[in-house]
Amino acid sequence: MSNSKTVLLVRTRLPWPDETRISYRWAEAAKREFEVNGWQVIDLASDDAVRANVEKLLQAAESDVFLFYGHGEPDRMIGQDIMALIDLANLHLLKDQKVYVVACWTAEVLGKKAANVARCYLGYEDEIFVWSQPYAAYLENCVNKGILAMLYIPDCTIEQARHHIIDEYNHWIDHFAVGAGVFDPFSIGFAAVLRRNRDALAQVFGDGIATLVN
């Protein structure tokens, strides 16, 4: 029996320069929010973010909320050792998990296959782009918006969380494309990045009315 107030967080941090150096900090921010709200976070970070560790914890069923921040391909999440930590061969270990992924591509194949395995799966089905500061903070707002909506809004479902992510992207797209955030070509270029990331967000696979605790 899993603990409904425990989350398994898996996050890679590859050598600089690499986008995971930024997404690792986004995962840290999400971890802090869970902890201040009374959740236990099992944190497989950096060198601990490898297949054997993930499989062991999923088999132990300590949690039914699974978060991944790192690199992905259509059929796999990629670990710290550049090997698959979740792929089609061990996808069954995500049974009944509520899965939230901040990585490129994984929803294209893995997410679809997870629809009848995981309780629900939300991720991206195309490449997503990461920019450095000061823009990284706005990307963090977008990629974390869904999981934090589920944490802070009572009975927020994974489908509602998806819409919160889209709304957050739209807010910052307008800000940097036509609003107060337009300063130079970099701002307008960043709006295009936000738009690309928003459009890469897949539909929810599995149970769209799942919440963090139900």
C-alpha atoms as a PDB file:
ATOM      1  CA  MET A   1       0.000   0.000   0.000  1.00  0.00           C
ATOM      2  CA  SER A   2       1.505   3.320  -1.059  1.00  0.00           C
ATOM      3  CA  ASN A   3       1.626   6.414   1.083  1.00  0.00           C
ATOM      4  CA  SER A   4      -0.651   9.046  -0.473  1.00  0.00           C
ATOM      5  CA  LYS A   5       1.526  11.803   0.993  1.00  0.00           C
ATOM      6  CA  THR A   6       4.777  10.562  -0.535  1.00  0.00           C
ATOM      7  CA  VAL A   7       6.140  11.467  -3.963  1.00  0.00           C
ATOM      8  CA  LEU A   8       8.994   9.850  -5.860  1.00  0.00           C
ATOM      9  CA  LEU A   9      11.075  12.554  -7.566  1.00  0.00           C
ATOM     10  CA  VAL A  10      13.679  11.558 -10.154  1.00  0.00           C
ATOM     11  CA  ARG A  11      15.950  14.286 -11.555  1.00  0.00           C
ATOM     12  CA  THR A  12      19.164  14.190 -13.525  1.00  0.00           C
ATOM     13  CA  ARG A  13      21.935  16.785 -13.611  1.00  0.00           C
ATOM     14  CA  LEU A  14      24.420  16.196 -16.393  1.00  0.00           C
ATOM     15  CA  PRO A  15      27.710  18.081 -16.806  1.00  0.00           C
ATOM     16  CA  TRP A  16      27.589  21.697 -17.887  1.00  0.00           C
ATOM     17  CA  PRO A  17      26.563  22.839 -20.430  1.00  0.00           C
ATOM     18  CA  ASP A  18      23.348  20.862 -20.310  1.00  0.00           C
ATOM     19  CA  GLU A  19      19.711  21.826 -19.907  1.00  0.00           C
ATOM     20  CA  THR A  20      19.331  19.453 -16.982  1.00  0.00           C
ATOM     21  CA  ARG A  21      21.409  21.826 -14.851  1.00  0.00           C
ATOM     22  CA  ILE A  22      18.390  24.149 -15.072  1.00  0.00           C
ATOM     23  CA  SER A  23      15.586  21.575 -14.918  1.00  0.00           C
ATOM     24  CA  TYR A  24      17.296  20.089 -11.840  1.00  0.00           C
ATOM     25  CA  ARG A  25      16.649  23.400 -10.051  1.00  0.00           C
ATOM     26  CA  TRP A  26      13.036  23.382 -11.223  1.00  0.00           C
ATOM     27  CA  ALA A  27      12.673  19.967  -9.618  1.00  0.00           C
ATOM     28  CA  GLU A  28      14.236  21.297  -6.421  1.00  0.00           C
ATOM     29  CA  ALA A  29      11.626  24.062  -6.338  1.00  0.00           C
ATOM     30  CA  ALA A  30       8.811  21.529  -6.710  1.00  0.00           C
ATOM     31  CA  LYS A  31      10.366  19.395  -3.979  1.00  0.00           C
ATOM     32  CA  ARG A  32      10.385  22.331  -1.546  1.00  0.00           C
ATOM     33  CA  GLU A  33       6.710  23.047  -2.206  1.00  0.00           C
ATOM     34  CA  PHE A  34       5.749  19.455  -1.478  1.00  0.00           C
ATOM     35  CA  GLU A  35       7.797  19.361   1.702  1.00  0.00           C
ATOM     36  CA  VAL A  36       6.366  22.579   3.127  1.00  0.00           C
ATOM     37  CA  ASN A  37       2.925  21.078   2.551  1.00  0.00           C
ATOM     38  CA  GLY A  38       3.691  18.008   4.642  1.00  0.00           C
ATOM     39  CA  TRP A  39       4.669  15.563   1.911  1.00  0.00           C
ATOM     40  CA  GLN A  40       7.616  13.224   2.059  1.00  0.00           C
ATOM     41  CA  VAL A  41       9.754  13.429  -1.091  1.00  0.00           C
ATOM     42  CA  ILE A  42      11.916  10.455  -2.044  1.00  0.00           C
ATOM     43  CA  ASP A  43      14.550  12.267  -4.106  1.00  0.00           C
ATOM     44  CA  LEU A  44      16.598  10.297  -6.622  1.00  0.00           C
ATOM     45  CA  ALA A  45      18.916  13.108  -7.690  1.00  0.00           C
ATOM     46  CA  SER A  46      21.978  13.170  -9.957  1.00  0.00           C
ATOM     47  CA  ASP A  47      23.942   9.918  -9.602  1.00  0.00           C
ATOM     48  CA  ASP A  48      21.007   8.264  -7.810  1.00  0.00           C
ATOM     49  CA  ALA A  49      18.754   8.827 -10.837  1.00  0.00           C
ATOM     50  CA  VAL A  50      19.421   5.473 -12.510  1.00  0.00           C
ATOM     51  CA  ARG A  51      17.283   2.525 -13.533  1.00  0.00           C
ATOM     52  CA  ALA A  52      18.103   0.146 -10.675  1.00  0.00           C
ATOM     53  CA  ASN A  53      17.169   2.700  -8.017  1.00  0.00           C
ATOM     54  CA  VAL A  54      13.967   3.716  -9.774  1.00  0.00           C
ATOM     55  CA  GLU A  55      12.885   0.117 -10.257  1.00  0.00           C
ATOM     56  CA  LYS A  56      13.579  -0.761  -6.634  1.00  0.00           C
ATOM     57  CA  LEU A  57      11.452   2.079  -5.304  1.00  0.00           C
ATOM     58  CA  LEU A  58       8.613   1.545  -7.758  1.00  0.00           C
ATOM     59  CA  GLN A  59       8.518  -2.145  -6.845  1.00  0.00           C
ATOM     60  CA  ALA A  60       8.333  -1.177  -3.171  1.00  0.00           C
ATOM     61  CA  ALA A  61       5.273   0.982  -3.981  1.00  0.00           C
ATOM     62  CA  GLU A  62       6.185   3.648  -1.443  1.00  0.00           C
ATOM     63  CA  SER A  63       4.420   6.321  -3.469  1.00  0.00           C
ATOM     64  CA  ASP A  64       1.871   6.667  -6.240  1.00  0.00           C
ATOM     65  CA  VAL A  65       3.069  10.088  -7.485  1.00  0.00           C
ATOM     66  CA  PHE A  66       6.058   9.962  -9.845  1.00  0.00           C
ATOM     67  CA  LEU A  67       7.855  13.098 -11.048  1.00  0.00           C
ATOM     68  CA  PHE A  68      10.675  13.095 -13.604  1.00  0.00           C
ATOM     69  CA  TYR A  69      12.837  16.031 -14.691  1.00  0.00           C
ATOM     70  CA  GLY A  70      15.540  15.378 -17.272  1.00  0.00           C
ATOM     71  CA  HIS A  71      16.068  14.203 -20.832  1.00  0.00           C
ATOM     72  CA  GLY A  72      13.648  12.011 -22.700  1.00  0.00           C
ATOM     73  CA  GLU A  73      13.105  10.234 -25.983  1.00  0.00           C
ATOM     74  CA  PRO A  74       9.764   9.072 -27.395  1.00  0.00           C
ATOM     75  CA  ASP A  75       9.948   5.684 -25.683  1.00  0.00           C
ATOM     76  CA  ARG A  76      12.067   6.392 -22.593  1.00  0.00           C
ATOM     77  CA  MET A  77      13.133   8.634 -19.739  1.00  0.00           C
ATOM     78  CA  ILE A  78      16.919   8.926 -19.596  1.00  0.00           C
ATOM     79  CA  GLY A  79      18.894   8.521 -16.388  1.00  0.00           C
ATOM     80  CA  GLN A  80      22.055  10.117 -15.080  1.00  0.00           C
ATOM     81  CA  ASP A  81      24.120   7.379 -16.758  1.00  0.00           C
ATOM     82  CA  ILE A  82      22.495   8.205 -20.145  1.00  0.00           C
ATOM     83  CA  MET A  83      20.722   4.845 -20.029  1.00  0.00           C
ATOM     84  CA  ALA A  84      16.956   4.395 -19.977  1.00  0.00           C
ATOM     85  CA  LEU A  85      15.510   4.460 -16.479  1.00  0.00           C
ATOM     86  CA  ILE A  86      11.918   3.996 -17.636  1.00  0.00           C
ATOM     87  CA  ASP A  87      11.193   2.455 -21.030  1.00  0.00           C
ATOM     88  CA  LEU A  88       8.753   0.006 -22.560  1.00  0.00           C
ATOM     89  CA  ALA A  89      10.455  -2.939 -20.860  1.00  0.00           C
ATOM     90  CA  ASN A  90       9.804  -1.710 -17.321  1.00  0.00           C
ATOM     91  CA  LEU A  91       6.797   0.499 -18.004  1.00  0.00           C
ATOM     92  CA  HIS A  92       4.665  -1.929 -15.993  1.00  0.00           C
ATOM     93  CA  LEU A  93       6.342  -0.582 -12.841  1.00  0.00           C
ATOM     94  CA  LEU A  94       4.407   2.666 -13.318  1.00  0.00           C
ATOM     95  CA  LYS A  95       1.185   0.765 -12.606  1.00  0.00           C
ATOM     96  CA  ASP A  96      -1.294   3.056 -10.832  1.00  0.00           C
ATOM     97  CA  GLN A  97       1.282   5.888 -10.651  1.00  0.00           C
ATOM     98  CA  LYS A  98       0.304   9.513 -11.260  1.00  0.00           C
ATOM     99  CA  VAL A  99       3.108  10.511 -13.608  1.00  0.00           C
ATOM    100  CA  TYR A 100       4.244  14.098 -14.319  1.00  0.00           C
ATOM    101  CA  VAL A 101       7.203  14.482 -16.681  1.00  0.00           C
ATOM    102  CA  VAL A 102       9.299  17.539 -17.566  1.00  0.00           C
ATOM    103  CA  ALA A 103      11.359  16.187 -20.463  1.00  0.00           C
ATOM    104  CA  CYS A 104      11.294  16.108 -24.243  1.00  0.00           C
ATOM    105  CA  TRP A 105       9.327  13.595 -26.279  1.00  0.00           C
ATOM    106  CA  THR A 106       8.325  10.962 -23.695  1.00  0.00           C
ATOM    107  CA  ALA A 107       4.578  11.351 -24.163  1.00  0.00           C
ATOM    108  CA  GLU A 108       4.810  10.480 -27.854  1.00  0.00           C
ATOM    109  CA  VAL A 109       5.234   6.738 -27.247  1.00  0.00           C
ATOM    110  CA  LEU A 110       5.837   6.072 -23.557  1.00  0.00           C
ATOM    111  CA  GLY A 111       2.938   8.219 -22.392  1.00  0.00           C
ATOM    112  CA  LYS A 112       0.515   6.640 -24.828  1.00  0.00           C
ATOM    113  CA  LYS A 113       1.600   3.160 -23.809  1.00  0.00           C
ATOM    114  CA  ALA A 114       1.246   4.178 -20.156  1.00  0.00           C
ATOM    115  CA  ALA A 115      -2.430   5.049 -20.618  1.00  0.00           C
ATOM    116  CA  ASN A 116      -3.524   1.561 -19.558  1.00  0.00           C
ATOM    117  CA  VAL A 117      -0.779   1.112 -16.958  1.00  0.00           C
ATOM    118  CA  ALA A 118      -0.244   4.330 -15.009  1.00  0.00           C
ATOM    119  CA  ARG A 119      -3.195   6.001 -13.309  1.00  0.00           C
ATOM    120  CA  CYS A 120      -2.408   9.050 -15.459  1.00  0.00           C
ATOM    121  CA  TYR A 121       0.514  10.460 -17.444  1.00  0.00           C
ATOM    122  CA  LEU A 122       1.213  14.076 -18.366  1.00  0.00           C
ATOM    123  CA  GLY A 123       4.274  15.055 -20.365  1.00  0.00           C
ATOM    124  CA  TYR A 124       5.505  16.477 -23.655  1.00  0.00           C
ATOM    125  CA  GLU A 125       5.324  14.809 -27.067  1.00  0.00           C
ATOM    126  CA  ASP A 126       7.925  16.964 -28.829  1.00  0.00           C
ATOM    127  CA  GLU A 127      11.177  18.713 -28.033  1.00  0.00           C
ATOM    128  CA  ILE A 128      11.006  21.386 -25.348  1.00  0.00           C
ATOM    129  CA  PHE A 129      13.487  24.221 -25.040  1.00  0.00           C
ATOM    130  CA  VAL A 130      15.254  25.545 -21.962  1.00  0.00           C
ATOM    131  CA  TRP A 131      16.735  29.043 -21.751  1.00  0.00           C
ATOM    132  CA  SER A 132      19.119  30.367 -19.122  1.00  0.00           C
ATOM    133  CA  GLN A 133      18.412  33.240 -16.753  1.00  0.00           C
ATOM    134  CA  PRO A 134      16.566  35.515 -16.640  1.00  0.00           C
ATOM    135  CA  TYR A 135      14.197  33.515 -18.842  1.00  0.00           C
ATOM    136  CA  ALA A 136      14.576  30.191 -17.009  1.00  0.00           C
ATOM    137  CA  ALA A 137      12.473  31.479 -14.119  1.00  0.00           C
ATOM    138  CA  TYR A 138       9.488  32.007 -16.421  1.00  0.00           C
ATOM    139  CA  LEU A 139       9.906  28.530 -17.895  1.00  0.00           C
ATOM    140  CA  GLU A 140       9.941  27.163 -14.361  1.00  0.00           C
ATOM    141  CA  ASN A 141       6.607  28.869 -13.720  1.00  0.00           C
ATOM    142  CA  CYS A 142       5.180  27.074 -16.733  1.00  0.00           C
ATOM    143  CA  VAL A 143       6.569  23.564 -16.335  1.00  0.00           C
ATOM    144  CA  ASN A 144       5.820  23.417 -12.604  1.00  0.00           C
ATOM    145  CA  LYS A 145       2.419  25.074 -12.825  1.00  0.00           C
ATOM    146  CA  GLY A 146       0.490  21.860 -13.244  1.00  0.00           C
ATOM    147  CA  ILE A 147       1.947  19.878 -10.379  1.00  0.00           C
ATOM    148  CA  LEU A 148       1.750  22.894  -8.060  1.00  0.00           C
ATOM    149  CA  ALA A 149      -1.880  23.467  -9.075  1.00  0.00           C
ATOM    150  CA  MET A 150      -2.597  19.902  -8.025  1.00  0.00           C
ATOM    151  CA  LEU A 151      -0.768  20.520  -4.756  1.00  0.00           C
ATOM    152  CA  TYR A 152      -2.419  23.826  -3.858  1.00  0.00           C
ATOM    153  CA  ILE A 153      -5.868  23.783  -5.463  1.00  0.00           C
ATOM    154  CA  PRO A 154      -8.261  21.424  -3.656  1.00  0.00           C
ATOM    155  CA  ASP A 155      -9.374  18.507  -5.833  1.00  0.00           C
ATOM    156  CA  CYS A 156      -7.446  19.788  -8.872  1.00  0.00           C
ATOM    157  CA  THR A 157      -7.407  16.990 -11.443  1.00  0.00           C
ATOM    158  CA  ILE A 158      -4.551  16.176 -13.800  1.00  0.00           C
ATOM    159  CA  GLU A 159      -6.661  17.422 -16.727  1.00  0.00           C
ATOM    160  CA  GLN A 160      -7.296  20.716 -14.952  1.00  0.00           C
ATOM    161  CA  ALA A 161      -3.574  20.892 -14.172  1.00  0.00           C
ATOM    162  CA  ARG A 162      -2.830  20.574 -17.882  1.00  0.00           C
ATOM    163  CA  HIS A 163      -5.039  23.577 -18.580  1.00  0.00           C
ATOM    164  CA  HIS A 164      -3.288  25.545 -15.843  1.00  0.00           C
ATOM    165  CA  ILE A 165       0.017  24.862 -17.610  1.00  0.00           C
ATOM    166  CA  ILE A 166      -1.377  26.074 -20.927  1.00  0.00           C
ATOM    167  CA  ASP A 167      -2.803  29.202 -19.286  1.00  0.00           C
ATOM    168  CA  GLU A 168       0.578  29.926 -17.700  1.00  0.00           C
ATOM    169  CA  TYR A 169       2.342  29.554 -21.038  1.00  0.00           C
ATOM    170  CA  ASN A 170      -0.236  31.824 -22.694  1.00  0.00           C
ATOM    171  CA  HIS A 171       0.225  34.474 -20.003  1.00  0.00           C
ATOM    172  CA  TRP A 172       3.981  34.686 -20.551  1.00  0.00           C
ATOM    173  CA  ILE A 173       3.696  34.395 -24.335  1.00  0.00           C
ATOM    174  CA  ASP A 174       1.540  37.516 -24.330  1.00  0.00           C
ATOM    175  CA  HIS A 175       3.859  39.223 -21.832  1.00  0.00           C
ATOM    176  CA  PHE A 176       6.971  38.731 -23.961  1.00  0.00           C
ATOM    177  CA  ALA A 177       5.397  38.980 -27.423  1.00  0.00           C
ATOM    178  CA  VAL A 178       3.114  42.003 -27.105  1.00  0.00           C
ATOM    179  CA  GLY A 179       3.086  43.062 -23.457  1.00  0.00           C
ATOM    180  CA  ALA A 180       5.339  44.706 -20.923  1.00  0.00           C
ATOM    181  CA  GLY A 181       8.047  42.095 -21.375  1.00  0.00           C
ATOM    182  CA  VAL A 182       8.950  43.139 -24.921  1.00  0.00           C
ATOM    183  CA  PHE A 183      12.414  44.701 -24.705  1.00  0.00           C
ATOM    184  CA  ASP A 184      14.458  43.320 -27.592  1.00  0.00           C
ATOM    185  CA  PRO A 185      14.582  40.472 -30.138  1.00  0.00           C
ATOM    186  CA  PHE A 186      15.509  38.054 -27.340  1.00  0.00           C
ATOM    187  CA  SER A 187      12.172  38.692 -25.651  1.00  0.00           C
ATOM    188  CA  ILE A 188      10.238  38.000 -28.819  1.00  0.00           C
ATOM    189  CA  GLY A 189      12.357  34.915 -29.438  1.00  0.00           C
ATOM    190  CA  PHE A 190      11.590  33.694 -25.947  1.00  0.00           C
ATOM    191  CA  ALA A 191       7.875  34.092 -26.635  1.00  0.00           C
ATOM    192  CA  ALA A 192       8.351  31.759 -29.595  1.00  0.00           C
ATOM    193  CA  VAL A 193      10.089  29.242 -27.308  1.00  0.00           C
ATOM    194  CA  LEU A 194       7.191  29.395 -24.859  1.00  0.00           C
ATOM    195  CA  ARG A 195       4.749  28.856 -27.698  1.00  0.00           C
ATOM    196  CA  ARG A 196       6.725  25.854 -28.944  1.00  0.00           C
ATOM    197  CA  ASN A 197       6.837  24.306 -25.481  1.00  0.00           C
ATOM    198  CA  ARG A 198       3.125  24.906 -24.916  1.00  0.00           C
ATOM    199  CA  ASP A 199       2.262  23.169 -28.165  1.00  0.00           C
ATOM    200  CA  ALA A 200       4.485  20.212 -27.248  1.00  0.00           C
ATOM    201  CA  LEU A 201       2.418  19.477 -24.138  1.00  0.00           C
ATOM    202  CA  ALA A 202       0.482  16.285 -24.765  1.00  0.00           C
ATOM    203  CA  GLN A 203      -3.025  15.373 -23.737  1.00  0.00           C
ATOM    204  CA  VAL A 204      -3.445  13.503 -20.482  1.00  0.00           C
ATOM    205  CA  PHE A 205      -3.121   9.764 -20.924  1.00  0.00           C
ATOM    206  CA  GLY A 206      -5.113   7.648 -18.513  1.00  0.00           C
ATOM    207  CA  ASP A 207      -7.504   8.963 -15.888  1.00  0.00           C
ATOM    208  CA  GLY A 208      -7.968  12.691 -16.442  1.00  0.00           C
ATOM    209  CA  ILE A 209      -9.832  13.163 -13.162  1.00  0.00           C
ATOM    210  CA  ALA A 210      -7.043  11.774 -10.979  1.00  0.00           C
ATOM    211  CA  THR A 211      -5.860  14.093  -8.198  1.00  0.00           C
ATOM    212  CA  LEU A 212      -2.708  13.890  -6.111  1.00  0.00           C
ATOM    213  CA  VAL A 213      -4.409  11.983  -3.332  1.00  0.00           C
ATOM    214  CA  ASN A 214      -7.305  10.286  -5.112  1.00  0.00           C
END
